[in-house]
Amino acid sequence: MKKRLLITGANGFVGSHLVEASLDNGFEVYAAVRKNSDLTYLKQDSVTLVYPDYSSPARLTALLDTHGITHIAHVAGMTKGKSLEDYNQANATITVVLAQAALAARRPIEKFVFVSSLAVMGPAQPGKPLSEGLTPQPLTFYGKSKWLAEQYLQKYPQLPLVTLRPTAVYGPRERDMLMVIKMVRKGWELYLGRTPQQLSFIYVTDLCQAILAALDSPQSGQTYLLSDGGDYGRYEFARLSKQVLHKKTIRLHLPVPIVAGVLGIIEKIRPGKLSIINKDKLQELTGSWSCNIDKAKKELGFTPRFPLEKGIGATIRWNIAEKWR
């Protein structure tokens, strides 16, 4: 029987890559988007576009029934918001409504994969990589909202759920890590403070393979941390970018209190202005994010194929081909 996969946030960075990987793996894809979404990177001729009403479990259930959905990959989420309430609405409330709809569908959903975030865990302690057995201690609005979503989902043990907590995701079409690459291209490296950090990354293709593995896995009710398996110092991403771009840079360390003060002033002058760097996000940017992925390797068969050096090379080549758009 044909596997019919609903992908939320299908036009986004991860979602658009997952659409392509899912089509290659035999899924019939239903791409959940908004009416005003940018569909530039979505394979519209190979998918069925759907427009979910996340305010109504009943209407969502009707959508699932109409298309005979068998699997759900809930990728959509808010990464830039004005308040904790905004994040909770986008990342937690919508998630539980989708779960309720899935449980009410006439055709039982075979697997519901929720893409959460390593931000749920909070930063790692020195010399102690994050693992699934640790108690989540999110610092930011984003991390707290993803953790709230996970807690909501735990109230539905009958849901065939797998939760994934990927670390920082990068690759073609991504914008935030691209900022770092573009700075290197211009000859600069900027860092917050001088505290040593151990970081982790995951290339978008590896994340998509993990999602597909979770969709096909017999596991249910399990949570997995995801990275490429590497543990990188704070300068490694820029160092590898310089190596690919054949650039030299000037390295600057910005005092955290001064940056926090400037951000506070900006937020007062321009309240509601959305930015990837703000006082809330600052808490994550100065922490360590190394993690252990042994559980995902063992139970999902997850095998990362893109260590950081390979992933950065592929990302930069794509951006050069796209003329750094």
C-alpha atoms as a PDB file:
ATOM      1  CA  MET A   1       0.000   0.000   0.000  1.00  0.00           C
ATOM      2  CA  LYS A   2       1.246   3.448  -0.915  1.00  0.00           C
ATOM      3  CA  LYS A   3       2.858   5.387   1.931  1.00  0.00           C
ATOM      4  CA  ARG A   4       1.349   8.867   2.082  1.00  0.00           C
ATOM      5  CA  LEU A   5       3.432  11.355   4.028  1.00  0.00           C
ATOM      6  CA  LEU A   6       2.257  14.731   5.306  1.00  0.00           C
ATOM      7  CA  ILE A   7       5.209  17.098   5.775  1.00  0.00           C
ATOM      8  CA  THR A   8       4.496  20.296   7.675  1.00  0.00           C
ATOM      9  CA  GLY A   9       6.678  23.293   6.859  1.00  0.00           C
ATOM     10  CA  ALA A  10       7.352  21.614   3.518  1.00  0.00           C
ATOM     11  CA  ASN A  11       8.529  24.810   1.822  1.00  0.00           C
ATOM     12  CA  GLY A  12      11.099  25.613   4.518  1.00  0.00           C
ATOM     13  CA  PHE A  13      14.788  24.807   4.734  1.00  0.00           C
ATOM     14  CA  VAL A  14      14.527  21.331   6.256  1.00  0.00           C
ATOM     15  CA  GLY A  15      11.056  20.675   4.863  1.00  0.00           C
ATOM     16  CA  SER A  16      12.002  21.232   1.228  1.00  0.00           C
ATOM     17  CA  HIS A  17      14.974  18.883   1.548  1.00  0.00           C
ATOM     18  CA  LEU A  18      12.788  16.295   3.274  1.00  0.00           C
ATOM     19  CA  VAL A  19      10.274  16.481   0.421  1.00  0.00           C
ATOM     20  CA  GLU A  20      12.996  15.541  -2.061  1.00  0.00           C
ATOM     21  CA  ALA A  21      14.381  12.747   0.123  1.00  0.00           C
ATOM     22  CA  SER A  22      10.891  11.365   0.774  1.00  0.00           C
ATOM     23  CA  LEU A  23      10.028  11.269  -2.920  1.00  0.00           C
ATOM     24  CA  ASP A  24      13.291   9.422  -3.566  1.00  0.00           C
ATOM     25  CA  ASN A  25      12.286   6.913  -0.879  1.00  0.00           C
ATOM     26  CA  GLY A  26       8.913   6.064  -2.369  1.00  0.00           C
ATOM     27  CA  PHE A  27       6.574   8.266  -0.353  1.00  0.00           C
ATOM     28  CA  GLU A  28       3.614  10.033  -1.883  1.00  0.00           C
ATOM     29  CA  VAL A  29       4.158  13.494  -0.430  1.00  0.00           C
ATOM     30  CA  TYR A  30       1.544  15.952   0.802  1.00  0.00           C
ATOM     31  CA  ALA A  31       3.243  19.279   1.376  1.00  0.00           C
ATOM     32  CA  ALA A  32       1.618  21.340   4.125  1.00  0.00           C
ATOM     33  CA  VAL A  33       2.169  25.047   3.459  1.00  0.00           C
ATOM     34  CA  ARG A  34       0.476  28.385   3.993  1.00  0.00           C
ATOM     35  CA  LYS A  35      -1.369  30.194   1.219  1.00  0.00           C
ATOM     36  CA  ASN A  36       1.290  32.918   1.076  1.00  0.00           C
ATOM     37  CA  SER A  37       4.325  30.613   1.376  1.00  0.00           C
ATOM     38  CA  ASP A  38       7.422  31.029  -0.764  1.00  0.00           C
ATOM     39  CA  LEU A  39       7.504  27.812  -2.802  1.00  0.00           C
ATOM     40  CA  THR A  40      10.782  28.476  -4.613  1.00  0.00           C
ATOM     41  CA  TYR A  41      12.499  25.283  -3.457  1.00  0.00           C
ATOM     42  CA  LEU A  42       9.450  23.029  -3.316  1.00  0.00           C
ATOM     43  CA  LYS A  43       8.970  20.418  -6.044  1.00  0.00           C
ATOM     44  CA  GLN A  44       5.390  21.456  -6.732  1.00  0.00           C
ATOM     45  CA  ASP A  45       4.936  19.160  -9.729  1.00  0.00           C
ATOM     46  CA  SER A  46       5.799  16.087  -7.619  1.00  0.00           C
ATOM     47  CA  VAL A  47       3.736  16.752  -4.495  1.00  0.00           C
ATOM     48  CA  THR A  48       0.190  17.564  -3.472  1.00  0.00           C
ATOM     49  CA  LEU A  49      -0.073  20.959  -1.794  1.00  0.00           C
ATOM     50  CA  VAL A  50      -2.362  21.104   1.250  1.00  0.00           C
ATOM     51  CA  TYR A  51      -3.266  24.023   3.501  1.00  0.00           C
ATOM     52  CA  PRO A  52      -3.944  22.807   7.043  1.00  0.00           C
ATOM     53  CA  ASP A  53      -6.110  24.738   9.477  1.00  0.00           C
ATOM     54  CA  TYR A  54      -4.151  24.290  12.694  1.00  0.00           C
ATOM     55  CA  SER A  55      -6.873  25.997  14.718  1.00  0.00           C
ATOM     56  CA  SER A  56      -9.200  23.011  14.299  1.00  0.00           C
ATOM     57  CA  PRO A  57      -8.426  19.342  15.079  1.00  0.00           C
ATOM     58  CA  ALA A  58     -11.626  18.381  13.259  1.00  0.00           C
ATOM     59  CA  ARG A  59     -10.619  20.111  10.023  1.00  0.00           C
ATOM     60  CA  LEU A  60      -7.124  18.655  10.297  1.00  0.00           C
ATOM     61  CA  THR A  61      -8.608  15.190  10.750  1.00  0.00           C
ATOM     62  CA  ALA A  62     -10.759  15.732   7.670  1.00  0.00           C
ATOM     63  CA  LEU A  63      -7.635  16.653   5.688  1.00  0.00           C
ATOM     64  CA  LEU A  64      -5.882  13.473   6.835  1.00  0.00           C
ATOM     65  CA  ASP A  65      -8.924  11.372   5.969  1.00  0.00           C
ATOM     66  CA  THR A  66      -9.423  12.984   2.564  1.00  0.00           C
ATOM     67  CA  HIS A  67      -5.886  12.153   1.473  1.00  0.00           C
ATOM     68  CA  GLY A  68      -5.473   8.871   3.321  1.00  0.00           C
ATOM     69  CA  ILE A  69      -2.344  10.066   5.136  1.00  0.00           C
ATOM     70  CA  THR A  70      -0.320   7.209   6.643  1.00  0.00           C
ATOM     71  CA  HIS A  71       2.700   9.069   8.051  1.00  0.00           C
ATOM     72  CA  ILE A  72       3.331  12.558   9.450  1.00  0.00           C
ATOM     73  CA  ALA A  73       6.636  14.442   9.692  1.00  0.00           C
ATOM     74  CA  HIS A  74       6.005  17.562  11.750  1.00  0.00           C
ATOM     75  CA  VAL A  75       8.892  19.803  10.704  1.00  0.00           C
ATOM     76  CA  ALA A  76       7.231  23.232  10.853  1.00  0.00           C
ATOM     77  CA  GLY A  77       8.159  25.533  13.695  1.00  0.00           C
ATOM     78  CA  MET A  78       8.914  29.105  14.707  1.00  0.00           C
ATOM     79  CA  THR A  79      12.575  30.017  15.211  1.00  0.00           C
ATOM     80  CA  LYS A  80      12.139  33.791  15.485  1.00  0.00           C
ATOM     81  CA  GLY A  81       9.358  35.229  17.645  1.00  0.00           C
ATOM     82  CA  LYS A  82       8.438  38.216  19.804  1.00  0.00           C
ATOM     83  CA  SER A  83       7.434  36.421  23.009  1.00  0.00           C
ATOM     84  CA  LEU A  84       7.235  33.064  24.736  1.00  0.00           C
ATOM     85  CA  GLU A  85       3.509  33.050  24.003  1.00  0.00           C
ATOM     86  CA  ASP A  86       4.199  33.369  20.265  1.00  0.00           C
ATOM     87  CA  TYR A  87       6.661  30.483  20.390  1.00  0.00           C
ATOM     88  CA  ASN A  88       4.317  28.312  22.447  1.00  0.00           C
ATOM     89  CA  GLN A  89       1.452  28.881  20.020  1.00  0.00           C
ATOM     90  CA  ALA A  90       3.551  28.053  16.954  1.00  0.00           C
ATOM     91  CA  ASN A  91       5.653  25.225  18.359  1.00  0.00           C
ATOM     92  CA  ALA A  92       3.519  23.602  21.059  1.00  0.00           C
ATOM     93  CA  THR A  93      -0.174  24.334  20.521  1.00  0.00           C
ATOM     94  CA  ILE A  94      -0.093  23.524  16.816  1.00  0.00           C
ATOM     95  CA  THR A  95       1.827  20.323  17.546  1.00  0.00           C
ATOM     96  CA  VAL A  96      -0.752  18.988  19.984  1.00  0.00           C
ATOM     97  CA  VAL A  97      -3.627  19.902  17.648  1.00  0.00           C
ATOM     98  CA  LEU A  98      -1.937  17.924  14.867  1.00  0.00           C
ATOM     99  CA  ALA A  99      -1.456  14.984  17.230  1.00  0.00           C
ATOM    100  CA  GLN A 100      -5.125  15.058  18.221  1.00  0.00           C
ATOM    101  CA  ALA A 101      -6.115  15.096  14.566  1.00  0.00           C
ATOM    102  CA  ALA A 102      -3.813  12.152  13.824  1.00  0.00           C
ATOM    103  CA  LEU A 103      -5.374  10.079  16.603  1.00  0.00           C
ATOM    104  CA  ALA A 104      -8.881  10.845  15.327  1.00  0.00           C
ATOM    105  CA  ALA A 105      -8.161   9.879  11.714  1.00  0.00           C
ATOM    106  CA  ARG A 106     -10.144   6.964  10.235  1.00  0.00           C
ATOM    107  CA  ARG A 107      -6.980   5.362   8.935  1.00  0.00           C
ATOM    108  CA  PRO A 108      -4.535   4.925  11.830  1.00  0.00           C
ATOM    109  CA  ILE A 109      -1.372   6.964  11.386  1.00  0.00           C
ATOM    110  CA  GLU A 110       1.565   4.568  11.213  1.00  0.00           C
ATOM    111  CA  LYS A 111       4.181   7.024  12.471  1.00  0.00           C
ATOM    112  CA  PHE A 112       4.247  10.599  13.749  1.00  0.00           C
ATOM    113  CA  VAL A 113       7.748  12.099  13.723  1.00  0.00           C
ATOM    114  CA  PHE A 114       8.160  15.335  15.634  1.00  0.00           C
ATOM    115  CA  VAL A 115      11.258  17.377  14.826  1.00  0.00           C
ATOM    116  CA  SER A 116      12.090  19.099  18.102  1.00  0.00           C
ATOM    117  CA  SER A 117      15.507  20.600  18.893  1.00  0.00           C
ATOM    118  CA  LEU A 118      18.626  20.067  20.964  1.00  0.00           C
ATOM    119  CA  ALA A 119      17.744  23.475  22.453  1.00  0.00           C
ATOM    120  CA  VAL A 120      15.293  21.525  24.631  1.00  0.00           C
ATOM    121  CA  MET A 121      18.245  20.097  26.562  1.00  0.00           C
ATOM    122  CA  GLY A 122      20.021  23.322  27.450  1.00  0.00           C
ATOM    123  CA  PRO A 123      23.813  23.632  27.088  1.00  0.00           C
ATOM    124  CA  ALA A 124      26.150  20.758  27.941  1.00  0.00           C
ATOM    125  CA  GLN A 125      28.341  20.769  31.023  1.00  0.00           C
ATOM    126  CA  PRO A 126      32.134  20.788  30.397  1.00  0.00           C
ATOM    127  CA  GLY A 127      33.291  17.321  29.369  1.00  0.00           C
ATOM    128  CA  LYS A 128      29.750  15.895  29.537  1.00  0.00           C
ATOM    129  CA  PRO A 129      28.025  15.635  26.144  1.00  0.00           C
ATOM    130  CA  LEU A 130      24.242  15.866  26.168  1.00  0.00           C
ATOM    131  CA  SER A 131      22.329  12.583  26.093  1.00  0.00           C
ATOM    132  CA  GLU A 132      18.708  11.450  26.160  1.00  0.00           C
ATOM    133  CA  GLY A 133      18.938  10.468  29.833  1.00  0.00           C
ATOM    134  CA  LEU A 134      19.532  14.014  31.054  1.00  0.00           C
ATOM    135  CA  THR A 135      16.684  16.210  32.284  1.00  0.00           C
ATOM    136  CA  PRO A 136      15.865  18.979  29.769  1.00  0.00           C
ATOM    137  CA  GLN A 137      16.759  22.468  30.962  1.00  0.00           C
ATOM    138  CA  PRO A 138      15.939  24.800  28.059  1.00  0.00           C
ATOM    139  CA  LEU A 139      17.114  28.393  28.326  1.00  0.00           C
ATOM    140  CA  THR A 140      15.419  30.206  25.458  1.00  0.00           C
ATOM    141  CA  PHE A 141      11.826  30.801  24.397  1.00  0.00           C
ATOM    142  CA  TYR A 142      12.434  28.510  21.434  1.00  0.00           C
ATOM    143  CA  GLY A 143      13.826  25.671  23.542  1.00  0.00           C
ATOM    144  CA  LYS A 144      11.085  26.051  26.161  1.00  0.00           C
ATOM    145  CA  SER A 145       8.344  25.943  23.515  1.00  0.00           C
ATOM    146  CA  LYS A 146       9.767  22.794  21.923  1.00  0.00           C
ATOM    147  CA  TRP A 147       9.995  21.169  25.357  1.00  0.00           C
ATOM    148  CA  LEU A 148       6.380  22.151  26.047  1.00  0.00           C
ATOM    149  CA  ALA A 149       5.392  20.502  22.760  1.00  0.00           C
ATOM    150  CA  GLU A 150       7.186  17.310  23.786  1.00  0.00           C
ATOM    151  CA  GLN A 151       5.412  17.340  27.144  1.00  0.00           C
ATOM    152  CA  TYR A 152       2.053  17.774  25.430  1.00  0.00           C
ATOM    153  CA  LEU A 153       2.771  14.800  23.169  1.00  0.00           C
ATOM    154  CA  GLN A 154       3.647  12.628  26.158  1.00  0.00           C
ATOM    155  CA  LYS A 155      -0.021  12.865  27.177  1.00  0.00           C
ATOM    156  CA  TYR A 156      -0.931  10.731  24.129  1.00  0.00           C
ATOM    157  CA  PRO A 157       0.922   7.426  24.637  1.00  0.00           C
ATOM    158  CA  GLN A 158      -1.179   5.801  21.927  1.00  0.00           C
ATOM    159  CA  LEU A 159       0.398   8.116  19.321  1.00  0.00           C
ATOM    160  CA  PRO A 160       3.057   6.230  17.283  1.00  0.00           C
ATOM    161  CA  LEU A 161       5.557   8.965  18.071  1.00  0.00           C
ATOM    162  CA  VAL A 162       9.265   9.407  17.503  1.00  0.00           C
ATOM    163  CA  THR A 163      10.814  12.680  18.666  1.00  0.00           C
ATOM    164  CA  LEU A 164      14.057  13.955  17.151  1.00  0.00           C
ATOM    165  CA  ARG A 165      16.232  16.631  18.733  1.00  0.00           C
ATOM    166  CA  PRO A 166      18.720  17.785  16.083  1.00  0.00           C
ATOM    167  CA  THR A 167      21.552  20.146  16.899  1.00  0.00           C
ATOM    168  CA  ALA A 168      22.324  23.165  14.660  1.00  0.00           C
ATOM    169  CA  VAL A 169      21.233  22.261  11.115  1.00  0.00           C
ATOM    170  CA  TYR A 170      23.040  23.742   8.121  1.00  0.00           C
ATOM    171  CA  GLY A 171      23.264  23.205   4.375  1.00  0.00           C
ATOM    172  CA  PRO A 172      21.963  24.614   1.091  1.00  0.00           C
ATOM    173  CA  ARG A 173      19.024  27.067   1.513  1.00  0.00           C
ATOM    174  CA  GLU A 174      19.762  27.722   5.201  1.00  0.00           C
ATOM    175  CA  ARG A 175      20.233  31.349   6.264  1.00  0.00           C
ATOM    176  CA  ASP A 176      21.552  31.552   9.819  1.00  0.00           C
ATOM    177  CA  MET A 177      24.780  29.529   9.542  1.00  0.00           C
ATOM    178  CA  LEU A 178      25.211  31.110   6.115  1.00  0.00           C
ATOM    179  CA  MET A 179      25.759  34.388   7.963  1.00  0.00           C
ATOM    180  CA  VAL A 180      28.940  32.895   9.445  1.00  0.00           C
ATOM    181  CA  ILE A 181      30.143  31.709   6.047  1.00  0.00           C
ATOM    182  CA  LYS A 182      29.451  35.111   4.510  1.00  0.00           C
ATOM    183  CA  MET A 183      31.409  36.860   7.263  1.00  0.00           C
ATOM    184  CA  VAL A 184      34.366  34.570   6.601  1.00  0.00           C
ATOM    185  CA  ARG A 185      34.033  35.337   2.908  1.00  0.00           C
ATOM    186  CA  LYS A 186      34.382  39.030   3.790  1.00  0.00           C
ATOM    187  CA  GLY A 187      37.396  38.357   6.006  1.00  0.00           C
ATOM    188  CA  TRP A 188      35.860  38.408   9.501  1.00  0.00           C
ATOM    189  CA  GLU A 189      35.220  36.056  12.399  1.00  0.00           C
ATOM    190  CA  LEU A 190      33.090  37.302  15.293  1.00  0.00           C
ATOM    191  CA  TYR A 191      32.735  35.483  18.623  1.00  0.00           C
ATOM    192  CA  LEU A 192      30.896  36.190  21.850  1.00  0.00           C
ATOM    193  CA  GLY A 193      33.388  36.247  24.709  1.00  0.00           C
ATOM    194  CA  ARG A 194      36.366  33.945  25.078  1.00  0.00           C
ATOM    195  CA  THR A 195      34.862  31.019  26.983  1.00  0.00           C
ATOM    196  CA  PRO A 196      35.773  27.715  25.290  1.00  0.00           C
ATOM    197  CA  GLN A 197      32.865  25.966  23.578  1.00  0.00           C
ATOM    198  CA  GLN A 198      32.309  22.484  22.191  1.00  0.00           C
ATOM    199  CA  LEU A 199      29.750  22.525  19.410  1.00  0.00           C
ATOM    200  CA  SER A 200      27.881  20.058  17.238  1.00  0.00           C
ATOM    201  CA  PHE A 201      26.303  20.339  13.802  1.00  0.00           C
ATOM    202  CA  ILE A 202      24.208  18.266  11.433  1.00  0.00           C
ATOM    203  CA  TYR A 203      24.037  18.609   7.653  1.00  0.00           C
ATOM    204  CA  VAL A 204      20.472  18.801   6.354  1.00  0.00           C
ATOM    205  CA  THR A 205      20.773  15.634   4.245  1.00  0.00           C
ATOM    206  CA  ASP A 206      21.758  13.637   7.332  1.00  0.00           C
ATOM    207  CA  LEU A 207      18.814  15.067   9.268  1.00  0.00           C
ATOM    208  CA  CYS A 208      16.439  14.061   6.478  1.00  0.00           C
ATOM    209  CA  GLN A 209      17.827  10.530   6.509  1.00  0.00           C
ATOM    210  CA  ALA A 210      17.243  10.389  10.266  1.00  0.00           C
ATOM    211  CA  ILE A 211      13.632  11.527   9.781  1.00  0.00           C
ATOM    212  CA  LEU A 212      13.075   8.853   7.131  1.00  0.00           C
ATOM    213  CA  ALA A 213      14.634   6.232   9.414  1.00  0.00           C
ATOM    214  CA  ALA A 214      12.277   7.312  12.195  1.00  0.00           C
ATOM    215  CA  LEU A 215       9.263   7.127   9.864  1.00  0.00           C
ATOM    216  CA  ASP A 216      10.135   3.514   9.010  1.00  0.00           C
ATOM    217  CA  SER A 217      11.252   2.503  12.491  1.00  0.00           C
ATOM    218  CA  PRO A 218       9.287   0.119  14.728  1.00  0.00           C
ATOM    219  CA  GLN A 219      10.247   2.364  17.651  1.00  0.00           C
ATOM    220  CA  SER A 220       7.524   4.406  19.338  1.00  0.00           C
ATOM    221  CA  GLY A 221       7.579   6.765  22.275  1.00  0.00           C
ATOM    222  CA  GLN A 222      11.321   7.294  21.892  1.00  0.00           C
ATOM    223  CA  THR A 223      13.450  10.446  21.693  1.00  0.00           C
ATOM    224  CA  TYR A 224      16.777  10.788  19.880  1.00  0.00           C
ATOM    225  CA  LEU A 225      19.516  13.421  19.839  1.00  0.00           C
ATOM    226  CA  LEU A 226      21.029  14.032  16.418  1.00  0.00           C
ATOM    227  CA  SER A 227      24.310  15.457  15.147  1.00  0.00           C
ATOM    228  CA  ASP A 228      27.005  14.354  12.716  1.00  0.00           C
ATOM    229  CA  GLY A 229      28.725  12.630  15.638  1.00  0.00           C
ATOM    230  CA  GLY A 230      31.531  15.184  15.793  1.00  0.00           C
ATOM    231  CA  ASP A 231      32.586  17.407  18.673  1.00  0.00           C
ATOM    232  CA  TYR A 232      33.983  20.700  17.405  1.00  0.00           C
ATOM    233  CA  GLY A 233      35.755  23.640  19.003  1.00  0.00           C
ATOM    234  CA  ARG A 234      34.201  27.073  18.593  1.00  0.00           C
ATOM    235  CA  TYR A 235      36.563  28.082  15.770  1.00  0.00           C
ATOM    236  CA  GLU A 236      36.177  24.960  13.640  1.00  0.00           C
ATOM    237  CA  PHE A 237      33.189  26.019  11.521  1.00  0.00           C
ATOM    238  CA  ALA A 238      34.972  29.211  10.452  1.00  0.00           C
ATOM    239  CA  ARG A 239      38.295  27.406   9.997  1.00  0.00           C
ATOM    240  CA  LEU A 240      36.789  24.904   7.581  1.00  0.00           C
ATOM    241  CA  SER A 241      34.902  27.668   5.766  1.00  0.00           C
ATOM    242  CA  LYS A 242      38.182  29.582   5.326  1.00  0.00           C
ATOM    243  CA  GLN A 243      39.803  26.443   3.996  1.00  0.00           C
ATOM    244  CA  VAL A 244      37.131  25.961   1.332  1.00  0.00           C
ATOM    245  CA  LEU A 245      36.966  29.653   0.420  1.00  0.00           C
ATOM    246  CA  HIS A 246      40.760  30.138   0.523  1.00  0.00           C
ATOM    247  CA  LYS A 247      40.313  33.157   2.784  1.00  0.00           C
ATOM    248  CA  LYS A 248      42.198  34.729   5.662  1.00  0.00           C
ATOM    249  CA  THR A 249      40.256  36.440   8.419  1.00  0.00           C
ATOM    250  CA  ILE A 250      40.513  38.835  11.316  1.00  0.00           C
ATOM    251  CA  ARG A 251      39.159  37.240  14.498  1.00  0.00           C
ATOM    252  CA  LEU A 252      37.268  39.442  16.965  1.00  0.00           C
ATOM    253  CA  HIS A 253      35.911  38.530  20.400  1.00  0.00           C
ATOM    254  CA  LEU A 254      33.013  40.704  21.554  1.00  0.00           C
ATOM    255  CA  PRO A 255      32.452  41.049  25.330  1.00  0.00           C
ATOM    256  CA  VAL A 256      29.167  39.352  26.207  1.00  0.00           C
ATOM    257  CA  PRO A 257      27.961  42.072  28.659  1.00  0.00           C
ATOM    258  CA  ILE A 258      28.461  44.779  26.039  1.00  0.00           C
ATOM    259  CA  VAL A 259      26.631  42.766  23.362  1.00  0.00           C
ATOM    260  CA  ALA A 260      23.792  42.059  25.797  1.00  0.00           C
ATOM    261  CA  GLY A 261      23.545  45.757  26.604  1.00  0.00           C
ATOM    262  CA  VAL A 262      23.448  46.773  22.947  1.00  0.00           C
ATOM    263  CA  LEU A 263      20.797  44.163  22.182  1.00  0.00           C
ATOM    264  CA  GLY A 264      18.737  45.388  25.122  1.00  0.00           C
ATOM    265  CA  ILE A 265      18.835  48.943  23.789  1.00  0.00           C
ATOM    266  CA  ILE A 266      17.915  47.794  20.273  1.00  0.00           C
ATOM    267  CA  GLU A 267      14.963  45.787  21.607  1.00  0.00           C
ATOM    268  CA  LYS A 268      13.683  48.858  23.466  1.00  0.00           C
ATOM    269  CA  ILE A 269      14.068  51.118  20.433  1.00  0.00           C
ATOM    270  CA  ARG A 270      12.593  48.570  18.011  1.00  0.00           C
ATOM    271  CA  PRO A 271      10.171  46.446  20.069  1.00  0.00           C
ATOM    272  CA  GLY A 272       8.824  43.450  18.202  1.00  0.00           C
ATOM    273  CA  LYS A 273      11.627  43.453  15.631  1.00  0.00           C
ATOM    274  CA  LEU A 274      12.451  39.838  14.828  1.00  0.00           C
ATOM    275  CA  SER A 275      16.133  38.910  14.746  1.00  0.00           C
ATOM    276  CA  ILE A 276      18.140  35.687  14.939  1.00  0.00           C
ATOM    277  CA  ILE A 277      20.385  37.349  17.570  1.00  0.00           C
ATOM    278  CA  ASN A 278      18.655  38.803  20.632  1.00  0.00           C
ATOM    279  CA  LYS A 279      19.053  38.802  24.413  1.00  0.00           C
ATOM    280  CA  ASP A 280      17.047  35.584  24.683  1.00  0.00           C
ATOM    281  CA  LYS A 281      19.125  33.763  22.043  1.00  0.00           C
ATOM    282  CA  LEU A 282      22.366  35.034  23.574  1.00  0.00           C
ATOM    283  CA  GLN A 283      22.007  32.390  26.289  1.00  0.00           C
ATOM    284  CA  GLU A 284      22.402  29.628  23.718  1.00  0.00           C
ATOM    285  CA  LEU A 285      25.141  31.249  21.653  1.00  0.00           C
ATOM    286  CA  THR A 286      27.615  31.213  24.526  1.00  0.00           C
ATOM    287  CA  GLY A 287      27.034  27.605  25.630  1.00  0.00           C
ATOM    288  CA  SER A 288      28.438  24.226  24.608  1.00  0.00           C
ATOM    289  CA  TRP A 289      26.305  21.854  22.546  1.00  0.00           C
ATOM    290  CA  SER A 290      28.181  18.586  22.170  1.00  0.00           C
ATOM    291  CA  CYS A 291      25.912  15.531  22.216  1.00  0.00           C
ATOM    292  CA  ASN A 292      25.964  11.748  22.158  1.00  0.00           C
ATOM    293  CA  ILE A 293      24.107  10.084  19.256  1.00  0.00           C
ATOM    294  CA  ASP A 294      24.714   6.432  20.163  1.00  0.00           C
ATOM    295  CA  LYS A 295      21.012   5.792  20.788  1.00  0.00           C
ATOM    296  CA  ALA A 296      20.026   7.023  17.313  1.00  0.00           C
ATOM    297  CA  LYS A 297      22.779   4.937  15.748  1.00  0.00           C
ATOM    298  CA  LYS A 298      21.696   1.795  17.584  1.00  0.00           C
ATOM    299  CA  GLU A 299      17.908   2.054  17.399  1.00  0.00           C
ATOM    300  CA  LEU A 300      17.357   3.987  14.156  1.00  0.00           C
ATOM    301  CA  GLY A 301      20.398   2.793  12.241  1.00  0.00           C
ATOM    302  CA  PHE A 302      21.370   6.444  11.874  1.00  0.00           C
ATOM    303  CA  THR A 303      24.720   6.785  10.103  1.00  0.00           C
ATOM    304  CA  PRO A 304      25.782  10.391   9.396  1.00  0.00           C
ATOM    305  CA  ARG A 305      27.477  10.755   6.004  1.00  0.00           C
ATOM    306  CA  PHE A 306      28.434  14.424   6.200  1.00  0.00           C
ATOM    307  CA  PRO A 307      31.077  15.362   8.758  1.00  0.00           C
ATOM    308  CA  LEU A 308      31.460  19.115   9.114  1.00  0.00           C
ATOM    309  CA  GLU A 309      34.239  19.485   6.543  1.00  0.00           C
ATOM    310  CA  LYS A 310      32.246  17.679   3.851  1.00  0.00           C
ATOM    311  CA  GLY A 311      29.006  19.481   4.712  1.00  0.00           C
ATOM    312  CA  ILE A 312      30.558  22.947   4.644  1.00  0.00           C
ATOM    313  CA  GLY A 313      32.166  22.206   1.284  1.00  0.00           C
ATOM    314  CA  ALA A 314      28.818  21.113  -0.183  1.00  0.00           C
ATOM    315  CA  THR A 315      27.056  24.144   1.290  1.00  0.00           C
ATOM    316  CA  ILE A 316      29.561  26.642  -0.070  1.00  0.00           C
ATOM    317  CA  ARG A 317      29.585  25.048  -3.526  1.00  0.00           C
ATOM    318  CA  TRP A 318      25.785  25.315  -3.638  1.00  0.00           C
ATOM    319  CA  ASN A 319      25.860  28.965  -2.600  1.00  0.00           C
ATOM    320  CA  ILE A 320      28.488  29.769  -5.216  1.00  0.00           C
ATOM    321  CA  ALA A 321      26.339  28.075  -7.888  1.00  0.00           C
ATOM    322  CA  GLU A 322      23.354  30.104  -6.651  1.00  0.00           C
ATOM    323  CA  LYS A 323      25.461  33.284  -6.688  1.00  0.00           C
ATOM    324  CA  TRP A 324      25.096  33.655  -2.884  1.00  0.00           C
ATOM    325  CA  ARG A 325      21.404  34.515  -3.088  1.00  0.00           C
END
